Every structure is written in structure tokens, then in C-alpha cells.
């Protein structure tokens, strides 16, 4: 007689993939990432992905805040335009990076950045 429960510890793998996806959503992902870091029963893969999502978000937020402050203090409109253009470019890079990491999760891989940990 076979047991009625699954013996595979990764039996709920689609649920974990969905949770990792929510963590990597650009701009909104840090909220579930904080939640998973706060929970004691979080898996190591969820913790690693949450830390990565939070790092990316905080780097993006710091860069955007710095560029916005620089644009408001710019001596002329040319510098203001350059800083705002760079701000938009960094936001696009952040979104594309998050989408790339989400694609890695979809393929069943651990989300990692090139040259990262």
C-alpha cells in the first residue's frame, strides 16, 4: 500500500515558482520579498530571491532619488534633461533585469545575475 502523501519535498514546486515570480515583479516585488524574509519557514531559495529582489530595488531607488535630486539642482536645462534621461534609462534597465530574472524562474532555474554571488 502506497502512502497518500507525496514523498517529494518539491511537490509544491509550482507554488514556490509563483511566489518567486511575485517577489521579482518590478516596483511591487519588494513587498512580498520583505514578507518572505520575515517568515521563519521560508525556503533558502525564497530567501535568496527575496534578498536579490530587495537589493535590486534599493539600488534602483537610491539611484533614482540621487538623479532626481540632481535634476532639480541642475544649473541648466541641458543637465536636467541628461539626468532625467539617465533616470528613465535606469528604470528601464531595472524592469528588464526583473523580467529576465522572472524568465529564469519560469525556466526552473535559480534567479541569479551574471557575476553575482
PDB file of N, CA and C in Angstrom:
ATOM      1  N   UNK A   1       0.837  -1.175   0.000  1.00  0.00           N
ATOM      2  CA  UNK A   1       0.000   0.000   0.000  1.00  0.00           C
ATOM      3  C   UNK A   1       0.885   1.242   0.000  1.00  0.00           C
ATOM      4  N   UNK A   2       0.624   2.151  -0.933  1.00  0.00           N
ATOM      5  CA  UNK A   2       1.425   3.365  -1.066  1.00  0.00           C
ATOM      6  C   UNK A   2       0.890   4.456  -0.143  1.00  0.00           C
ATOM      7  N   UNK A   3       1.803   5.313   0.371  1.00  0.00           N
ATOM      8  CA  UNK A   3       1.321   6.417   1.206  1.00  0.00           C
ATOM      9  C   UNK A   3       0.537   7.423   0.365  1.00  0.00           C
ATOM     10  N   UNK A   4      -0.403   8.088   0.992  1.00  0.00           N
ATOM     11  CA  UNK A   4      -1.265   9.024   0.257  1.00  0.00           C
ATOM     12  C   UNK A   4      -0.634  10.405   0.109  1.00  0.00           C
ATOM     13  N   UNK A   5       0.440  10.676   0.837  1.00  0.00           N
ATOM     14  CA  UNK A   5       1.093  11.977   0.736  1.00  0.00           C
ATOM     15  C   UNK A   5       2.314  11.869  -0.177  1.00  0.00           C
ATOM     16  N   UNK A   6       2.685  12.947  -0.856  1.00  0.00           N
ATOM     17  CA  UNK A   6       3.844  12.893  -1.756  1.00  0.00           C
ATOM     18  C   UNK A   6       5.153  12.842  -0.951  1.00  0.00           C
ATOM     19  N   UNK A   7       6.071  12.038  -1.406  1.00  0.00           N
ATOM     20  CA  UNK A   7       7.367  11.915  -0.752  1.00  0.00           C
ATOM     21  C   UNK A   7       8.360  12.960  -1.241  1.00  0.00           C
ATOM     22  N   UNK A   8       8.044  13.582  -2.354  1.00  0.00           N
ATOM     23  CA  UNK A   8       8.937  14.579  -2.936  1.00  0.00           C
ATOM     24  C   UNK A   8       8.833  15.894  -2.160  1.00  0.00           C
ATOM     25  N   UNK A   9       9.961  16.412  -1.619  1.00  0.00           N
ATOM     26  CA  UNK A   9       9.877  17.683  -0.891  1.00  0.00           C
ATOM     27  C   UNK A   9       9.560  18.869  -1.804  1.00  0.00           C
ATOM     28  N   UNK A  10       9.750  18.711  -3.113  1.00  0.00           N
ATOM     29  CA  UNK A  10       9.452  19.791  -4.061  1.00  0.00           C
ATOM     30  C   UNK A  10       8.085  19.583  -4.704  1.00  0.00           C
ATOM     31  N   UNK A  11       7.191  18.913  -4.003  1.00  0.00           N
ATOM     32  CA  UNK A  11       5.865  18.627  -4.569  1.00  0.00           C
ATOM     33  C   UNK A  11       5.086  19.894  -4.858  1.00  0.00           C
ATOM     34  N   UNK A  12       5.316  20.932  -4.109  1.00  0.00           N
ATOM     35  CA  UNK A  12       4.609  22.190  -4.322  1.00  0.00           C
ATOM     36  C   UNK A  12       5.462  23.161  -5.126  1.00  0.00           C
ATOM     37  N   UNK A  13       6.266  22.661  -6.032  1.00  0.00           N
ATOM     38  CA  UNK A  13       7.168  23.490  -6.817  1.00  0.00           C
ATOM     39  C   UNK A  13       6.441  24.592  -7.604  1.00  0.00           C
ATOM     40  N   UNK A  14       5.270  24.337  -8.210  1.00  0.00           N
ATOM     41  CA  UNK A  14       4.585  25.439  -8.909  1.00  0.00           C
ATOM     42  C   UNK A  14       4.222  26.583  -7.965  1.00  0.00           C
ATOM     43  N   UNK A  15       3.872  26.279  -6.733  1.00  0.00           N
ATOM     44  CA  UNK A  15       3.553  27.332  -5.774  1.00  0.00           C
ATOM     45  C   UNK A  15       4.800  28.154  -5.437  1.00  0.00           C
ATOM     46  N   UNK A  16       5.927  27.488  -5.267  1.00  0.00           N
ATOM     47  CA  UNK A  16       7.178  28.205  -4.978  1.00  0.00           C
ATOM     48  C   UNK A  16       7.570  29.067  -6.169  1.00  0.00           C
ATOM     49  N   UNK A  17       7.403  28.552  -7.392  1.00  0.00           N
ATOM     50  CA  UNK A  17       7.716  29.349  -8.586  1.00  0.00           C
ATOM     51  C   UNK A  17       6.834  30.593  -8.643  1.00  0.00           C
ATOM     52  N   UNK A  18       5.568  30.449  -8.305  1.00  0.00           N
ATOM     53  CA  UNK A  18       4.663  31.592  -8.313  1.00  0.00           C
ATOM     54  C   UNK A  18       5.073  32.617  -7.253  1.00  0.00           C
ATOM     55  N   UNK A  19       5.467  32.138  -6.085  1.00  0.00           N
ATOM     56  CA  UNK A  19       5.926  33.046  -5.034  1.00  0.00           C
ATOM     57  C   UNK A  19       7.195  33.775  -5.464  1.00  0.00           C
ATOM     58  N   UNK A  20       8.110  33.087  -6.128  1.00  0.00           N
ATOM     59  CA  UNK A  20       9.324  33.741  -6.618  1.00  0.00           C
ATOM     60  C   UNK A  20       8.988  34.765  -7.692  1.00  0.00           C
ATOM     61  N   UNK A  21       8.010  34.465  -8.522  1.00  0.00           N
ATOM     62  CA  UNK A  21       7.576  35.417  -9.540  1.00  0.00           C
ATOM     63  C   UNK A  21       7.062  36.693  -8.904  1.00  0.00           C
ATOM     64  N   UNK A  22       6.218  36.554  -7.876  1.00  0.00           N
ATOM     65  CA  UNK A  22       5.684  37.741  -7.194  1.00  0.00           C
ATOM     66  C   UNK A  22       6.798  38.561  -6.568  1.00  0.00           C
ATOM     67  N   UNK A  23       7.831  37.907  -6.084  1.00  0.00           N
ATOM     68  CA  UNK A  23       8.957  38.606  -5.472  1.00  0.00           C
ATOM     69  C   UNK A  23       9.728  39.428  -6.493  1.00  0.00           C
ATOM     70  N   UNK A  24       9.764  38.984  -7.737  1.00  0.00           N
ATOM     71  CA  UNK A  24      10.571  39.644  -8.765  1.00  0.00           C
ATOM     72  C   UNK A  24       9.792  40.642  -9.617  1.00  0.00           C
ATOM     73  N   UNK A  25       8.534  40.884  -9.300  1.00  0.00           N
ATOM     74  CA  UNK A  25       7.753  41.871 -10.059  1.00  0.00           C
ATOM     75  C   UNK A  25       8.389  43.243  -9.839  1.00  0.00           C
ATOM     76  N   UNK A  26       8.701  43.976 -10.917  1.00  0.00           N
ATOM     77  CA  UNK A  26       9.315  45.296 -10.743  1.00  0.00           C
ATOM     78  C   UNK A  26       8.414  46.245  -9.954  1.00  0.00           C
ATOM     79  N   UNK A  27       9.007  47.003  -9.070  1.00  0.00           N
ATOM     80  CA  UNK A  27       8.388  48.048  -8.256  1.00  0.00           C
ATOM     81  C   UNK A  27       7.470  47.507  -7.157  1.00  0.00           C
ATOM     82  N   UNK A  28       6.787  46.405  -7.350  1.00  0.00           N
ATOM     83  CA  UNK A  28       5.895  45.843  -6.339  1.00  0.00           C
ATOM     84  C   UNK A  28       6.486  44.628  -5.630  1.00  0.00           C
ATOM     85  N   UNK A  29       7.477  44.021  -6.226  1.00  0.00           N
ATOM     86  CA  UNK A  29       8.081  42.811  -5.689  1.00  0.00           C
ATOM     87  C   UNK A  29       8.726  42.935  -4.321  1.00  0.00           C
ATOM     88  N   UNK A  30       9.250  44.094  -3.941  1.00  0.00           N
ATOM     89  CA  UNK A  30       9.848  44.187  -2.600  1.00  0.00           C
ATOM     90  C   UNK A  30       8.867  43.924  -1.457  1.00  0.00           C
ATOM     91  N   UNK A  31       7.584  44.150  -1.658  1.00  0.00           N
ATOM     92  CA  UNK A  31       6.611  43.870  -0.592  1.00  0.00           C
ATOM     93  C   UNK A  31       6.534  42.379  -0.286  1.00  0.00           C
ATOM     94  N   UNK A  32       6.323  41.492  -1.280  1.00  0.00           N
ATOM     95  CA  UNK A  32       6.364  40.065  -0.945  1.00  0.00           C
ATOM     96  C   UNK A  32       7.769  39.609  -0.547  1.00  0.00           C
ATOM     97  N   UNK A  33       8.810  40.273  -1.073  1.00  0.00           N
ATOM     98  CA  UNK A  33      10.174  39.901  -0.684  1.00  0.00           C
ATOM     99  C   UNK A  33      10.395  40.147   0.799  1.00  0.00           C
ATOM    100  N   UNK A  34       9.924  41.277   1.295  1.00  0.00           N
ATOM    101  CA  UNK A  34      10.025  41.539   2.733  1.00  0.00           C
ATOM    102  C   UNK A  34       9.221  40.525   3.531  1.00  0.00           C
ATOM    103  N   UNK A  35       8.068  40.172   3.010  1.00  0.00           N
ATOM    104  CA  UNK A  35       7.236  39.192   3.693  1.00  0.00           C
ATOM    105  C   UNK A  35       7.961  37.851   3.807  1.00  0.00           C
ATOM    106  N   UNK A  36       8.580  37.388   2.724  1.00  0.00           N
ATOM    107  CA  UNK A  36       9.246  36.083   2.758  1.00  0.00           C
ATOM    108  C   UNK A  36      10.497  36.110   3.623  1.00  0.00           C
ATOM    109  N   UNK A  37      11.155  37.243   3.705  1.00  0.00           N
ATOM    110  CA  UNK A  37      12.309  37.335   4.597  1.00  0.00           C
ATOM    111  C   UNK A  37      11.866  37.365   6.061  1.00  0.00           C
ATOM    112  N   UNK A  38      10.686  37.838   6.327  1.00  0.00           N
ATOM    113  CA  UNK A  38      10.183  37.942   7.676  1.00  0.00           C
ATOM    114  C   UNK A  38       9.673  36.603   8.204  1.00  0.00           C
ATOM    115  N   UNK A  39       9.212  35.732   7.312  1.00  0.00           N
ATOM    116  CA  UNK A  39       8.642  34.448   7.706  1.00  0.00           C
ATOM    117  C   UNK A  39       9.745  33.451   8.071  1.00  0.00           C
ATOM    118  N   UNK A  40       9.602  32.740   9.191  1.00  0.00           N
ATOM    119  CA  UNK A  40      10.657  31.803   9.597  1.00  0.00           C
ATOM    120  C   UNK A  40      10.681  30.515   8.772  1.00  0.00           C
ATOM    121  N   UNK A  41       9.580  30.118   8.150  1.00  0.00           N
ATOM    122  CA  UNK A  41       9.534  28.858   7.419  1.00  0.00           C
ATOM    123  C   UNK A  41       9.882  29.014   5.931  1.00  0.00           C
ATOM    124  N   UNK A  42      10.480  30.112   5.570  1.00  0.00           N
ATOM    125  CA  UNK A  42      10.821  30.369   4.168  1.00  0.00           C
ATOM    126  C   UNK A  42      11.985  29.483   3.727  1.00  0.00           C
ATOM    127  N   UNK A  43      11.901  28.971   2.505  1.00  0.00           N
ATOM    128  CA  UNK A  43      12.969  28.120   1.981  1.00  0.00           C
ATOM    129  C   UNK A  43      14.200  28.960   1.640  1.00  0.00           C
ATOM    130  N   UNK A  44      15.378  28.337   1.557  1.00  0.00           N
ATOM    131  CA  UNK A  44      16.588  29.084   1.195  1.00  0.00           C
ATOM    132  C   UNK A  44      16.497  29.734  -0.185  1.00  0.00           C
ATOM    133  N   UNK A  45      15.825  29.074  -1.123  1.00  0.00           N
ATOM    134  CA  UNK A  45      15.674  29.647  -2.462  1.00  0.00           C
ATOM    135  C   UNK A  45      14.812  30.911  -2.406  1.00  0.00           C
ATOM    136  N   UNK A  46      13.762  30.898  -1.608  1.00  0.00           N
ATOM    137  CA  UNK A  46      12.923  32.085  -1.467  1.00  0.00           C
ATOM    138  C   UNK A  46      13.686  33.215  -0.786  1.00  0.00           C
ATOM    139  N   UNK A  47      14.490  32.878   0.217  1.00  0.00           N
ATOM    140  CA  UNK A  47      15.289  33.906   0.898  1.00  0.00           C
ATOM    141  C   UNK A  47      16.304  34.532  -0.057  1.00  0.00           C
ATOM    142  N   UNK A  48      16.968  33.699  -0.842  1.00  0.00           N
ATOM    143  CA  UNK A  48      17.969  34.207  -1.784  1.00  0.00           C
ATOM    144  C   UNK A  48      17.318  35.114  -2.828  1.00  0.00           C
ATOM    145  N   UNK A  49      16.191  34.703  -3.353  1.00  0.00           N
ATOM    146  CA  UNK A  49      15.491  35.501  -4.359  1.00  0.00           C
ATOM    147  C   UNK A  49      14.956  36.790  -3.750  1.00  0.00           C
ATOM    148  N   UNK A  50      14.461  36.717  -2.520  1.00  0.00           N
ATOM    149  CA  UNK A  50      13.956  37.919  -1.857  1.00  0.00           C
ATOM    150  C   UNK A  50      15.077  38.922  -1.620  1.00  0.00           C
ATOM    151  N   UNK A  51      16.227  38.438  -1.190  1.00  0.00           N
ATOM    152  CA  UNK A  51      17.367  39.345  -0.984  1.00  0.00           C
ATOM    153  C   UNK A  51      17.799  39.993  -2.292  1.00  0.00           C
ATOM    154  N   UNK A  52      17.825  39.205  -3.365  1.00  0.00           N
ATOM    155  CA  UNK A  52      18.194  39.741  -4.672  1.00  0.00           C
ATOM    156  C   UNK A  52      17.198  40.805  -5.120  1.00  0.00           C
ATOM    157  N   UNK A  53      15.902  40.527  -4.966  1.00  0.00           N
ATOM    158  CA  UNK A  53      14.878  41.494  -5.369  1.00  0.00           C
ATOM    159  C   UNK A  53      14.985  42.780  -4.551  1.00  0.00           C
ATOM    160  N   UNK A  54      15.235  42.650  -3.258  1.00  0.00           N
ATOM    161  CA  UNK A  54      15.371  43.839  -2.414  1.00  0.00           C
ATOM    162  C   UNK A  54      16.625  44.629  -2.751  1.00  0.00           C
ATOM    163  N   UNK A  55      17.725  43.934  -3.023  1.00  0.00           N
ATOM    164  CA  UNK A  55      18.956  44.640  -3.415  1.00  0.00           C
ATOM    165  C   UNK A  55      18.741  45.442  -4.690  1.00  0.00           C
ATOM    166  N   UNK A  56      18.152  44.792  -5.694  1.00  0.00           N
ATOM    167  CA  UNK A  56      17.898  45.493  -6.952  1.00  0.00           C
ATOM    168  C   UNK A  56      17.006  46.705  -6.740  1.00  0.00           C
ATOM    169  N   UNK A  57      15.949  46.538  -5.947  1.00  0.00           N
ATOM    170  CA  UNK A  57      15.027  47.639  -5.712  1.00  0.00           C
ATOM    171  C   UNK A  57      15.707  48.784  -4.970  1.00  0.00           C
ATOM    172  N   UNK A  58      16.483  48.482  -3.948  1.00  0.00           N
ATOM    173  CA  UNK A  58      17.132  49.541  -3.176  1.00  0.00           C
ATOM    174  C   UNK A  58      18.199  50.262  -3.993  1.00  0.00           C
ATOM    175  N   UNK A  59      18.918  49.538  -4.838  1.00  0.00           N
ATOM    176  CA  UNK A  59      19.891  50.187  -5.725  1.00  0.00           C
ATOM    177  C   UNK A  59      19.173  51.106  -6.697  1.00  0.00           C
ATOM    178  N   UNK A  60      18.083  50.606  -7.278  1.00  0.00           N
ATOM    179  CA  UNK A  60      17.305  51.432  -8.207  1.00  0.00           C
ATOM    180  C   UNK A  60      16.741  52.663  -7.496  1.00  0.00           C
ATOM    181  N   UNK A  61      16.173  52.467  -6.313  1.00  0.00           N
ATOM    182  CA  UNK A  61      15.575  53.571  -5.575  1.00  0.00           C
ATOM    183  C   UNK A  61      16.617  54.632  -5.206  1.00  0.00           C
ATOM    184  N   UNK A  62      17.784  54.192  -4.765  1.00  0.00           N
ATOM    185  CA  UNK A  62      18.850  55.141  -4.432  1.00  0.00           C
ATOM    186  C   UNK A  62      19.325  55.917  -5.646  1.00  0.00           C
ATOM    187  N   UNK A  63      19.489  55.215  -6.766  1.00  0.00           N
ATOM    188  CA  UNK A  63      19.946  55.886  -7.986  1.00  0.00           C
ATOM    189  C   UNK A  63      18.901  56.879  -8.494  1.00  0.00           C
ATOM    190  N   UNK A  64      17.633  56.492  -8.446  1.00  0.00           N
ATOM    191  CA  UNK A  64      16.570  57.377  -8.914  1.00  0.00           C
ATOM    192  C   UNK A  64      16.463  58.601  -8.019  1.00  0.00           C
ATOM    193  N   UNK A  65      16.563  58.402  -6.706  1.00  0.00           N
ATOM    194  CA  UNK A  65      16.493  59.537  -5.782  1.00  0.00           C
ATOM    195  C   UNK A  65      17.653  60.498  -6.012  1.00  0.00           C
ATOM    196  N   UNK A  66      18.845  59.954  -6.220  1.00  0.00           N
ATOM    197  CA  UNK A  66      20.016  60.793  -6.460  1.00  0.00           C
ATOM    198  C   UNK A  66      19.886  61.559  -7.773  1.00  0.00           C
ATOM    199  N   UNK A  67      19.452  60.879  -8.825  1.00  0.00           N
ATOM    200  CA  UNK A  67      19.310  61.543 -10.117  1.00  0.00           C
ATOM    201  C   UNK A  67      18.187  62.590 -10.098  1.00  0.00           C
ATOM    202  N   UNK A  68      17.105  62.295  -9.399  1.00  0.00           N
ATOM    203  CA  UNK A  68      16.020  63.278  -9.301  1.00  0.00           C
ATOM    204  C   UNK A  68      16.464  64.519  -8.539  1.00  0.00           C
ATOM    205  N   UNK A  69      17.186  64.295  -7.456  1.00  0.00           N
ATOM    206  CA  UNK A  69      17.705  65.431  -6.703  1.00  0.00           C
ATOM    207  C   UNK A  69      18.689  66.231  -7.552  1.00  0.00           C
ATOM    208  N   UNK A  70      19.532  65.526  -8.300  1.00  0.00           N
ATOM    209  CA  UNK A  70      20.469  66.219  -9.184  1.00  0.00           C
ATOM    210  C   UNK A  70      19.763  67.001 -10.275  1.00  0.00           C
ATOM    211  N   UNK A  71      18.658  66.445 -10.783  1.00  0.00           N
ATOM    212  CA  UNK A  71      17.929  67.137 -11.843  1.00  0.00           C
ATOM    213  C   UNK A  71      17.256  68.404 -11.314  1.00  0.00           C
ATOM    214  N   UNK A  72      16.794  68.368 -10.075  1.00  0.00           N
ATOM    215  CA  UNK A  72      16.169  69.572  -9.529  1.00  0.00           C
ATOM    216  C   UNK A  72      17.208  70.645  -9.206  1.00  0.00           C
ATOM    217  N   UNK A  73      18.447  70.241  -8.958  1.00  0.00           N
ATOM    218  CA  UNK A  73      19.507  71.184  -8.624  1.00  0.00           C
ATOM    219  C   UNK A  73      20.401  71.520  -9.820  1.00  0.00           C
ATOM    220  N   UNK A  74      20.049  71.017 -11.002  1.00  0.00           N
ATOM    221  CA  UNK A  74      20.880  71.218 -12.190  1.00  0.00           C
ATOM    222  C   UNK A  74      20.966  72.702 -12.547  1.00  0.00           C
ATOM    223  N   UNK A  75      22.158  73.159 -12.975  1.00  0.00           N
ATOM    224  CA  UNK A  75      22.322  74.583 -13.293  1.00  0.00           C
ATOM    225  C   UNK A  75      21.580  75.020 -14.562  1.00  0.00           C
ATOM    226  N   UNK A  76      21.405  74.112 -15.509  1.00  0.00           N
ATOM    227  CA  UNK A  76      20.688  74.485 -16.735  1.00  0.00           C
ATOM    228  C   UNK A  76      19.831  73.314 -17.204  1.00  0.00           C
ATOM    229  N   UNK A  77      19.043  73.559 -18.237  1.00  0.00           N
ATOM    230  CA  UNK A  77      18.106  72.553 -18.716  1.00  0.00           C
ATOM    231  C   UNK A  77      18.791  71.392 -19.414  1.00  0.00           C
ATOM    232  N   UNK A  78      19.967  71.613 -19.953  1.00  0.00           N
ATOM    233  CA  UNK A  78      20.679  70.530 -20.632  1.00  0.00           C
ATOM    234  C   UNK A  78      21.056  69.455 -19.622  1.00  0.00           C
ATOM    235  N   UNK A  79      21.620  69.866 -18.484  1.00  0.00           N
ATOM    236  CA  UNK A  79      21.982  68.902 -17.443  1.00  0.00           C
ATOM    237  C   UNK A  79      20.737  68.253 -16.842  1.00  0.00           C
ATOM    238  N   UNK A  80      19.689  69.019 -16.699  1.00  0.00           N
ATOM    239  CA  UNK A  80      18.443  68.475 -16.167  1.00  0.00           C
ATOM    240  C   UNK A  80      17.909  67.382 -17.094  1.00  0.00           C
ATOM    241  N   UNK A  81      17.923  67.651 -18.397  1.00  0.00           N
ATOM    242  CA  UNK A  81      17.465  66.653 -19.360  1.00  0.00           C
ATOM    243  C   UNK A  81      18.334  65.397 -19.315  1.00  0.00           C
ATOM    244  N   UNK A  82      19.646  65.573 -19.237  1.00  0.00           N
ATOM    245  CA  UNK A  82      20.551  64.426 -19.195  1.00  0.00           C
ATOM    246  C   UNK A  82      20.298  63.551 -17.977  1.00  0.00           C
ATOM    247  N   UNK A  83      20.119  64.174 -16.825  1.00  0.00           N
ATOM    248  CA  UNK A  83      19.883  63.404 -15.610  1.00  0.00           C
ATOM    249  C   UNK A  83      18.525  62.702 -15.640  1.00  0.00           C
ATOM    250  N   UNK A  84      17.517  63.364 -16.158  1.00  0.00           N
ATOM    251  CA  UNK A  84      16.208  62.727 -16.266  1.00  0.00           C
ATOM    252  C   UNK A  84      16.212  61.606 -17.299  1.00  0.00           C
ATOM    253  N   UNK A  85      16.974  61.774 -18.373  1.00  0.00           N
ATOM    254  CA  UNK A  85      17.109  60.707 -19.363  1.00  0.00           C
ATOM    255  C   UNK A  85      17.806  59.498 -18.746  1.00  0.00           C
ATOM    256  N   UNK A  86      18.854  59.737 -17.966  1.00  0.00           N
ATOM    257  CA  UNK A  86      19.555  58.649 -17.294  1.00  0.00           C
ATOM    258  C   UNK A  86      18.636  57.962 -16.284  1.00  0.00           C
ATOM    259  N   UNK A  87      17.789  58.738 -15.627  1.00  0.00           N
ATOM    260  CA  UNK A  87      16.819  58.170 -14.685  1.00  0.00           C
ATOM    261  C   UNK A  87      15.859  57.219 -15.397  1.00  0.00           C
ATOM    262  N   UNK A  88      15.362  57.612 -16.540  1.00  0.00           N
ATOM    263  CA  UNK A  88      14.479  56.745 -17.319  1.00  0.00           C
ATOM    264  C   UNK A  88      15.185  55.505 -17.825  1.00  0.00           C
ATOM    265  N   UNK A  89      16.439  55.676 -18.214  1.00  0.00           N
ATOM    266  CA  UNK A  89      17.226  54.531 -18.681  1.00  0.00           C
ATOM    267  C   UNK A  89      17.452  53.525 -17.554  1.00  0.00           C
ATOM    268  N   UNK A  90      17.776  54.014 -16.366  1.00  0.00           N
ATOM    269  CA  UNK A  90      17.976  53.118 -15.227  1.00  0.00           C
ATOM    270  C   UNK A  90      16.686  52.399 -14.851  1.00  0.00           C
ATOM    271  N   UNK A  91      15.564  53.074 -14.945  1.00  0.00           N
ATOM    272  CA  UNK A  91      14.279  52.416 -14.662  1.00  0.00           C
ATOM    273  C   UNK A  91      14.004  51.311 -15.678  1.00  0.00           C
ATOM    274  N   UNK A  92      14.320  51.569 -16.937  1.00  0.00           N
ATOM    275  CA  UNK A  92      14.134  50.545 -17.970  1.00  0.00           C
ATOM    276  C   UNK A  92      15.053  49.355 -17.729  1.00  0.00           C
ATOM    277  N   UNK A  93      16.276  49.608 -17.320  1.00  0.00           N
ATOM    278  CA  UNK A  93      17.218  48.528 -17.029  1.00  0.00           C
ATOM    279  C   UNK A  93      16.723  47.710 -15.839  1.00  0.00           C
ATOM    280  N   UNK A  94      16.195  48.382 -14.829  1.00  0.00           N
ATOM    281  CA  UNK A  94      15.657  47.673 -13.657  1.00  0.00           C
ATOM    282  C   UNK A  94      14.506  46.755 -14.064  1.00  0.00           C
ATOM    283  N   UNK A  95      13.591  47.264 -14.874  1.00  0.00           N
ATOM    284  CA  UNK A  95      12.449  46.454 -15.304  1.00  0.00           C
ATOM    285  C   UNK A  95      12.914  45.274 -16.148  1.00  0.00           C
ATOM    286  N   UNK A  96      13.813  45.504 -17.085  1.00  0.00           N
ATOM    287  CA  UNK A  96      14.301  44.412 -17.935  1.00  0.00           C
ATOM    288  C   UNK A  96      15.073  43.372 -17.132  1.00  0.00           C
ATOM    289  N   UNK A  97      15.810  43.808 -16.122  1.00  0.00           N
ATOM    290  CA  UNK A  97      16.529  42.866 -15.264  1.00  0.00           C
ATOM    291  C   UNK A  97      15.546  41.996 -14.494  1.00  0.00           C
ATOM    292  N   UNK A  98      14.509  42.604 -13.952  1.00  0.00           N
ATOM    293  CA  UNK A  98      13.497  41.835 -13.223  1.00  0.00           C
ATOM    294  C   UNK A  98      12.778  40.855 -14.144  1.00  0.00           C
ATOM    295  N   UNK A  99      12.461  41.283 -15.351  1.00  0.00           N
ATOM    296  CA  UNK A  99      11.804  40.387 -16.306  1.00  0.00           C
ATOM    297  C   UNK A  99      12.736  39.236 -16.680  1.00  0.00           C
ATOM    298  N   UNK A 100      14.012  39.513 -16.849  1.00  0.00           N
ATOM    299  CA  UNK A 100      14.977  38.449 -17.129  1.00  0.00           C
ATOM    300  C   UNK A 100      15.074  37.448 -15.991  1.00  0.00           C
ATOM    301  N   UNK A 101      15.055  37.941 -14.761  1.00  0.00           N
ATOM    302  CA  UNK A 101      15.080  37.039 -13.603  1.00  0.00           C
ATOM    303  C   UNK A 101      13.790  36.227 -13.509  1.00  0.00           C
ATOM    304  N   UNK A 102      12.668  36.845 -13.863  1.00  0.00           N
ATOM    305  CA  UNK A 102      11.399  36.122 -13.875  1.00  0.00           C
ATOM    306  C   UNK A 102      11.422  35.018 -14.936  1.00  0.00           C
ATOM    307  N   UNK A 103      12.076  35.282 -16.043  1.00  0.00           N
ATOM    308  CA  UNK A 103      12.220  34.272 -17.092  1.00  0.00           C
ATOM    309  C   UNK A 103      13.064  33.097 -16.591  1.00  0.00           C
ATOM    310  N   UNK A 104      14.108  33.392 -15.806  1.00  0.00           N
ATOM    311  CA  UNK A 104      14.923  32.315 -15.230  1.00  0.00           C
ATOM    312  C   UNK A 104      14.085  31.450 -14.292  1.00  0.00           C
ATOM    313  N   UNK A 105      13.228  32.068 -13.493  1.00  0.00           N
ATOM    314  CA  UNK A 105      12.352  31.305 -12.594  1.00  0.00           C
ATOM    315  C   UNK A 105      11.392  30.454 -13.411  1.00  0.00           C
ATOM    316  N   UNK A 106      10.855  31.005 -14.482  1.00  0.00           N
ATOM    317  CA  UNK A 106       9.926  30.271 -15.341  1.00  0.00           C
ATOM    318  C   UNK A 106      10.592  29.033 -15.942  1.00  0.00           C
ATOM    319  N   UNK A 107      11.889  29.146 -16.256  1.00  0.00           N
ATOM    320  CA  UNK A 107      12.631  28.013 -16.823  1.00  0.00           C
ATOM    321  C   UNK A 107      13.051  27.005 -15.758  1.00  0.00           C
ATOM    322  N   UNK A 108      12.787  27.312 -14.483  1.00  0.00           N
ATOM    323  CA  UNK A 108      13.113  26.376 -13.415  1.00  0.00           C
ATOM    324  C   UNK A 108      14.494  26.558 -12.827  1.00  0.00           C
ATOM    325  N   UNK A 109      15.152  27.658 -13.161  1.00  0.00           N
ATOM    326  CA  UNK A 109      16.487  27.920 -12.633  1.00  0.00           C
ATOM    327  C   UNK A 109      16.401  28.863 -11.442  1.00  0.00           C
ATOM    328  N   UNK A 110      17.469  28.884 -10.657  1.00  0.00           N
ATOM    329  CA  UNK A 110      17.556  29.834  -9.561  1.00  0.00           C
ATOM    330  C   UNK A 110      17.890  31.191 -10.151  1.00  0.00           C
ATOM    331  N   UNK A 111      17.129  32.234  -9.826  1.00  0.00           N
ATOM    332  CA  UNK A 111      17.412  33.557 -10.401  1.00  0.00           C
ATOM    333  C   UNK A 111      18.741  34.107  -9.894  1.00  0.00           C
ATOM    334  N   UNK A 112      19.630  34.393 -10.820  1.00  0.00           N
ATOM    335  CA  UNK A 112      20.958  34.938 -10.493  1.00  0.00           C
ATOM    336  C   UNK A 112      21.340  35.967 -11.540  1.00  0.00           C
ATOM    337  N   UNK A 113      22.120  36.936 -11.104  1.00  0.00           N
ATOM    338  CA  UNK A 113      22.675  37.907 -12.024  1.00  0.00           C
ATOM    339  C   UNK A 113      24.074  37.460 -12.441  1.00  0.00           C
ATOM    340  N   UNK A 114      24.498  37.774 -13.647  1.00  0.00           N
ATOM    341  CA  UNK A 114      25.847  37.426 -14.060  1.00  0.00           C
ATOM    342  C   UNK A 114      26.868  38.106 -13.157  1.00  0.00           C
ATOM    343  N   UNK A 115      27.827  37.344 -12.687  1.00  0.00           N
ATOM    344  CA  UNK A 115      28.859  37.897 -11.809  1.00  0.00           C
ATOM    345  C   UNK A 115      28.405  38.060 -10.380  1.00  0.00           C
ATOM    346  N   UNK A 116      27.195  37.622 -10.072  1.00  0.00           N
ATOM    347  CA  UNK A 116      26.674  37.745  -8.715  1.00  0.00           C
ATOM    348  C   UNK A 116      27.161  36.617  -7.834  1.00  0.00           C
ATOM    349  N   UNK A 117      26.624  36.558  -6.639  1.00  0.00           N
ATOM    350  CA  UNK A 117      27.035  35.588  -5.639  1.00  0.00           C
ATOM    351  C   UNK A 117      26.938  34.187  -6.103  1.00  0.00           C
TER     352      UNK A 117
END
